[in-house]
Amino acid sequence: GHEQLLKMMEERMMDVEQKLRLVKRLLQDKVNQLKEQLSKNMKADVMVKDLYVENAQLLKALEVTEQRQKTAERKNYLLEEKIANLNRIVKNLASPSFSP
């Protein structure tokens, strides 16, 4: 009886050890998966930060471009007014009322 009990206990211990090894392997696999996911997340985080910075730069460039366009439109309007005035002056100079 005593030896049989000892043998059963030994078998149980071997079974428990085998299950522990399996659990340890599964846990190690999970740790590896999580490390890989963390690495991917860190890379994605860096990319998001880079995109955020790039987006801010693009918004600033767009703002500057829009400001330049408004300035060009104002200058264009003023030039068109000057051309219209010059055309009026030329027309008046060429009209018969000014001829001697």
C-alpha atoms as a PDB file:
ATOM      1  CA  GLY A   1       0.000   0.000   0.000  1.00  0.00           C
ATOM      2  CA  HIS A   2       2.699   2.417   0.967  1.00  0.00           C
ATOM      3  CA  GLU A   3       4.772   1.818  -2.171  1.00  0.00           C
ATOM      4  CA  GLN A   4       1.684   2.037  -4.385  1.00  0.00           C
ATOM      5  CA  LEU A   5       0.753   5.366  -2.768  1.00  0.00           C
ATOM      6  CA  LEU A   6       4.312   6.549  -3.309  1.00  0.00           C
ATOM      7  CA  LYS A   7       4.167   5.484  -6.973  1.00  0.00           C
ATOM      8  CA  MET A   8       0.814   7.267  -7.462  1.00  0.00           C
ATOM      9  CA  MET A   9       2.213  10.409  -5.901  1.00  0.00           C
ATOM     10  CA  GLU A  10       5.262  10.173  -8.150  1.00  0.00           C
ATOM     11  CA  GLU A  11       3.033   9.805 -11.234  1.00  0.00           C
ATOM     12  CA  ARG A  12       0.943  12.766 -10.116  1.00  0.00           C
ATOM     13  CA  MET A  13       4.084  14.823  -9.652  1.00  0.00           C
ATOM     14  CA  MET A  14       5.278  13.936 -13.154  1.00  0.00           C
ATOM     15  CA  ASP A  15       1.855  14.828 -14.540  1.00  0.00           C
ATOM     16  CA  VAL A  16       1.863  18.150 -12.696  1.00  0.00           C
ATOM     17  CA  GLU A  17       5.409  18.891 -13.909  1.00  0.00           C
ATOM     18  CA  GLN A  18       4.385  18.109 -17.490  1.00  0.00           C
ATOM     19  CA  LYS A  19       1.368  20.416 -17.183  1.00  0.00           C
ATOM     20  CA  LEU A  20       3.555  23.120 -15.662  1.00  0.00           C
ATOM     21  CA  ARG A  21       6.008  22.866 -18.580  1.00  0.00           C
ATOM     22  CA  LEU A  22       3.088  23.175 -20.994  1.00  0.00           C
ATOM     23  CA  VAL A  23       1.717  26.213 -19.157  1.00  0.00           C
ATOM     24  CA  LYS A  24       5.204  27.735 -19.050  1.00  0.00           C
ATOM     25  CA  ARG A  25       5.560  27.234 -22.828  1.00  0.00           C
ATOM     26  CA  LEU A  26       2.124  28.752 -23.457  1.00  0.00           C
ATOM     27  CA  LEU A  27       2.949  31.706 -21.217  1.00  0.00           C
ATOM     28  CA  GLN A  28       6.265  32.232 -23.012  1.00  0.00           C
ATOM     29  CA  ASP A  29       4.462  32.199 -26.365  1.00  0.00           C
ATOM     30  CA  LYS A  30       2.016  34.785 -25.040  1.00  0.00           C
ATOM     31  CA  VAL A  31       4.888  36.931 -23.721  1.00  0.00           C
ATOM     32  CA  ASN A  32       6.536  36.784 -27.151  1.00  0.00           C
ATOM     33  CA  GLN A  33       3.259  37.772 -28.845  1.00  0.00           C
ATOM     34  CA  LEU A  34       2.815  40.688 -26.470  1.00  0.00           C
ATOM     35  CA  LYS A  35       6.403  41.857 -26.983  1.00  0.00           C
ATOM     36  CA  GLU A  36       5.865  41.752 -30.744  1.00  0.00           C
ATOM     37  CA  GLN A  37       2.588  43.677 -30.406  1.00  0.00           C
ATOM     38  CA  LEU A  38       4.269  46.249 -28.170  1.00  0.00           C
ATOM     39  CA  SER A  39       6.997  46.729 -30.756  1.00  0.00           C
ATOM     40  CA  LYS A  40       4.402  47.214 -33.505  1.00  0.00           C
ATOM     41  CA  ASN A  41       2.473  49.652 -31.321  1.00  0.00           C
ATOM     42  CA  MET A  42       5.608  51.661 -30.612  1.00  0.00           C
ATOM     43  CA  LYS A  43       6.398  51.865 -34.342  1.00  0.00           C
ATOM     44  CA  ALA A  44       2.818  52.916 -35.054  1.00  0.00           C
ATOM     45  CA  ASP A  45       3.039  55.534 -32.297  1.00  0.00           C
ATOM     46  CA  VAL A  46       6.183  56.995 -33.870  1.00  0.00           C
ATOM     47  CA  MET A  47       4.459  57.048 -37.265  1.00  0.00           C
ATOM     48  CA  VAL A  48       1.409  58.813 -35.805  1.00  0.00           C
ATOM     49  CA  LYS A  49       3.636  61.432 -34.179  1.00  0.00           C
ATOM     50  CA  ASP A  50       5.522  61.941 -37.460  1.00  0.00           C
ATOM     51  CA  LEU A  51       2.231  62.300 -39.339  1.00  0.00           C
ATOM     52  CA  TYR A  52       0.982  64.765 -36.729  1.00  0.00           C
ATOM     53  CA  VAL A  53       4.104  66.910 -37.194  1.00  0.00           C
ATOM     54  CA  GLU A  54       3.895  66.629 -40.979  1.00  0.00           C
ATOM     55  CA  ASN A  55       0.215  67.580 -40.878  1.00  0.00           C
ATOM     56  CA  ALA A  56       1.010  70.663 -38.809  1.00  0.00           C
ATOM     57  CA  GLN A  57       3.712  71.659 -41.303  1.00  0.00           C
ATOM     58  CA  LEU A  58       1.333  71.148 -44.227  1.00  0.00           C
ATOM     59  CA  LEU A  59      -1.355  73.228 -42.520  1.00  0.00           C
ATOM     60  CA  LYS A  60       1.158  76.037 -41.996  1.00  0.00           C
ATOM     61  CA  ALA A  61       2.277  75.813 -45.637  1.00  0.00           C
ATOM     62  CA  LEU A  62      -1.367  75.912 -46.746  1.00  0.00           C
ATOM     63  CA  GLU A  63      -1.980  78.973 -44.571  1.00  0.00           C
ATOM     64  CA  VAL A  64       1.058  80.736 -46.075  1.00  0.00           C
ATOM     65  CA  THR A  65      -0.033  79.771 -49.600  1.00  0.00           C
ATOM     66  CA  GLU A  66      -3.564  81.054 -48.998  1.00  0.00           C
ATOM     67  CA  GLN A  67      -2.137  84.318 -47.658  1.00  0.00           C
ATOM     68  CA  ARG A  68       0.081  84.673 -50.745  1.00  0.00           C
ATOM     69  CA  GLN A  69      -2.906  83.985 -52.978  1.00  0.00           C
ATOM     70  CA  LYS A  70      -4.931  86.724 -51.252  1.00  0.00           C
ATOM     71  CA  THR A  71      -2.017  89.128 -51.632  1.00  0.00           C
ATOM     72  CA  ALA A  72      -1.655  88.226 -55.319  1.00  0.00           C
ATOM     73  CA  GLU A  73      -5.399  88.711 -55.843  1.00  0.00           C
ATOM     74  CA  ARG A  74      -5.237  92.168 -54.199  1.00  0.00           C
ATOM     75  CA  LYS A  75      -2.259  93.158 -56.348  1.00  0.00           C
ATOM     76  CA  ASN A  76      -4.018  91.825 -59.438  1.00  0.00           C
ATOM     77  CA  TYR A  77      -7.127  93.876 -58.602  1.00  0.00           C
ATOM     78  CA  LEU A  78      -5.034  97.027 -58.133  1.00  0.00           C
ATOM     79  CA  LEU A  79      -3.209  96.403 -61.426  1.00  0.00           C
ATOM     80  CA  GLU A  80      -6.527  95.931 -63.228  1.00  0.00           C
ATOM     81  CA  GLU A  81      -7.737  99.252 -61.777  1.00  0.00           C
ATOM     82  CA  LYS A  82      -4.524 100.962 -62.929  1.00  0.00           C
ATOM     83  CA  ILE A  83      -4.913  99.458 -66.424  1.00  0.00           C
ATOM     84  CA  ALA A  84      -8.524 100.668 -66.584  1.00  0.00           C
ATOM     85  CA  ASN A  85      -7.433 104.175 -65.506  1.00  0.00           C
ATOM     86  CA  LEU A  86      -4.583 104.218 -68.035  1.00  0.00           C
ATOM     87  CA  ASN A  87      -6.970 103.076 -70.775  1.00  0.00           C
ATOM     88  CA  ARG A  88      -9.308 105.936 -69.823  1.00  0.00           C
ATOM     89  CA  ILE A  89      -6.423 108.424 -69.969  1.00  0.00           C
ATOM     90  CA  VAL A  90      -5.277 107.092 -73.355  1.00  0.00           C
ATOM     91  CA  LYS A  91      -8.848 107.218 -74.630  1.00  0.00           C
ATOM     92  CA  ASN A  92      -9.229 110.809 -73.397  1.00  0.00           C
ATOM     93  CA  LEU A  93      -5.912 111.825 -74.961  1.00  0.00           C
ATOM     94  CA  ALA A  94      -6.962 110.325 -78.261  1.00  0.00           C
ATOM     95  CA  SER A  95     -10.421 111.882 -78.278  1.00  0.00           C
ATOM     96  CA  PRO A  96     -11.043 114.774 -80.716  1.00  0.00           C
ATOM     97  CA  SER A  97     -11.873 117.240 -77.938  1.00  0.00           C
ATOM     98  CA  PHE A  98      -8.181 117.472 -77.046  1.00  0.00           C
ATOM     99  CA  SER A  99      -6.877 117.849 -80.564  1.00  0.00           C
ATOM    100  CA  PRO A 100      -5.769 121.421 -81.522  1.00  0.00           C
END
